[in-house]
Amino acid sequence: MAVVRLAAYEPLLKNIALGLGVLSTVAIVQNWYPLNMFLSLPFCMIWIYVAWLHTERQLKWVNILFAGFYVYGIGRYFLIG
């Protein structure tokens, strides 16, 4: 199964998410809009996967909610910008 095979990469994915989270925070502090959204979306996608892997329901749904906000923001940026 694909989920089981990807589970072997969980530590790597968490490290990538950490890097994306740090870079996203720097982008917010430096006001590098819209880079913060482009960095935050993959961060959320990784944590959605990790939550699905461990069945952490609250973490999964919070990240799905935020991923939706980022998709909306990125779409709005391209449509209006």
Protein backbone atom coordinates (compact mmCIF):
# COMPACT_ATOMS: atom_id res chain seq x y z
CA MET A 1 0.00 0.00 0.00
CA ALA A 2 1.26 3.51 -0.85
CA VAL A 3 0.59 4.96 2.62
CA VAL A 4 2.66 2.26 4.28
CA ARG A 5 5.58 2.85 1.90
CA LEU A 6 5.43 6.61 2.44
CA ALA A 7 5.48 6.08 6.21
CA ALA A 8 9.18 5.25 5.90
CA TYR A 9 9.73 8.85 4.79
CA GLU A 10 7.85 10.42 7.70
CA PRO A 11 10.97 11.78 9.49
CA LEU A 12 12.20 13.35 6.23
CA LEU A 13 8.76 14.83 5.55
CA LYS A 14 8.63 16.29 9.06
CA ASN A 15 12.05 17.90 8.55
CA ILE A 16 10.91 19.36 5.23
CA ALA A 17 7.77 20.67 6.96
CA LEU A 18 9.93 22.25 9.66
CA GLY A 19 12.01 24.01 7.01
CA LEU A 20 8.90 25.19 5.18
CA GLY A 21 7.43 26.45 8.46
CA VAL A 22 10.57 28.42 9.30
CA LEU A 23 10.79 29.88 5.79
CA SER A 24 7.10 30.76 5.85
CA THR A 25 7.54 32.58 9.16
CA VAL A 26 10.50 34.52 7.78
CA ALA A 27 8.40 35.39 4.70
CA ILE A 28 5.63 36.71 6.95
CA VAL A 29 8.02 38.76 9.10
CA GLN A 30 9.79 40.16 6.04
CA ASN A 31 6.44 40.84 4.31
CA TRP A 32 7.37 38.72 1.29
CA TYR A 33 3.79 38.29 0.15
CA PRO A 34 2.68 35.87 -1.45
CA LEU A 35 5.72 33.66 -0.76
CA ASN A 36 4.37 32.85 2.69
CA MET A 37 1.28 31.20 1.14
CA PHE A 38 3.34 29.21 -1.35
CA LEU A 39 5.49 27.88 1.51
CA SER A 40 2.61 27.29 3.91
CA LEU A 41 0.50 25.19 1.54
CA PRO A 42 3.01 22.32 1.20
CA PHE A 43 3.61 22.58 4.97
CA CYS A 44 -0.10 21.93 5.54
CA MET A 45 -0.18 19.13 2.97
CA ILE A 46 2.65 17.30 4.75
CA TRP A 47 0.89 17.61 8.10
CA ILE A 48 -2.40 16.43 6.60
CA TYR A 49 -0.55 13.29 5.45
CA VAL A 50 1.13 12.79 8.83
CA ALA A 51 -2.21 13.22 10.64
CA TRP A 52 -3.84 10.71 8.28
CA LEU A 53 -1.02 8.28 8.94
CA HIS A 54 -1.54 8.46 12.71
CA THR A 55 -5.29 9.16 12.64
CA GLU A 56 -4.93 12.45 14.52
CA ARG A 57 -8.35 13.78 13.58
CA GLN A 58 -8.09 17.30 14.98
CA LEU A 59 -4.67 17.93 13.43
CA LYS A 60 -5.92 16.60 10.09
CA TRP A 61 -8.99 18.85 9.97
CA VAL A 62 -7.18 21.98 11.17
CA ASN A 63 -4.60 21.53 8.40
CA ILE A 64 -7.30 20.83 5.81
CA LEU A 65 -8.97 24.09 6.86
CA PHE A 66 -5.72 26.06 6.58
CA ALA A 67 -4.82 24.40 3.27
CA GLY A 68 -8.19 25.57 1.96
CA PHE A 69 -7.41 29.12 3.06
CA TYR A 70 -4.04 28.99 1.32
CA VAL A 71 -5.54 27.60 -1.90
CA TYR A 72 -8.13 30.39 -1.78
CA GLY A 73 -5.42 33.02 -1.14
CA ILE A 74 -3.18 31.73 -3.94
CA GLY A 75 -6.12 31.58 -6.35
CA ARG A 76 -7.18 35.09 -5.36
CA TYR A 77 -3.61 36.33 -5.84
CA PHE A 78 -3.53 35.03 -9.42
CA LEU A 79 -7.04 36.21 -10.27
CA ILE A 80 -6.75 39.72 -8.80
CA GLY A 81 -2.98 40.26 -8.98
